[in-house]
């Protein structure tokens, strides 16, 4: 489900922005898991539970793929690597611990892991709306600039279209030959 999620993610994230793409992915993932909760112990509805879990995986793949980009755009240059590393470590730790937590929770109630994971995903989707939108904005270089990301739309300084130099520049060397850089 990761490849289709990335195919869907690319055009959406450039049109609606990083915040909405993250929220949509988390809502899809969490909503699908929460929809499967009443049917987890029903063997005749196993196909529905599998469809919900695969839809949840699709939404989670969208959210996790965009979060790498979104995280680097929110944090200023001095702490950008640290913030991305901390977020990646937290995600990896939760992925590593989830099998050890899911099995004991299933012994309490079969739908408990899906209910907790789905609820946390929806809570995360709602939490995304606290963060600023970063599309078409200059990445912050200082902590003060990062604080300014949450300012109103009228104060946003959008990145202007610039005429960038060509990648291939002709360099005349002493030999008289042209070298392409």
Foldseek 3Di string as FASTA:
>chain_A
DLVVLVVVLVVCCQPVFLLVQLLQLLLQLLVLLVVCLVCQPPPVCVVSNVVSNVSNVSSVSSNVVSCLVVQQQLDADVCSVVSSVVVVVVVVVCVVCLVVVQVVQVVVPVSVSSNVSSVVSNVVSVVSVVGATRHQADRHHDVVVSVVRPDDPVPTDGDDDDDDDDQFDWDQDPVRDTDTD
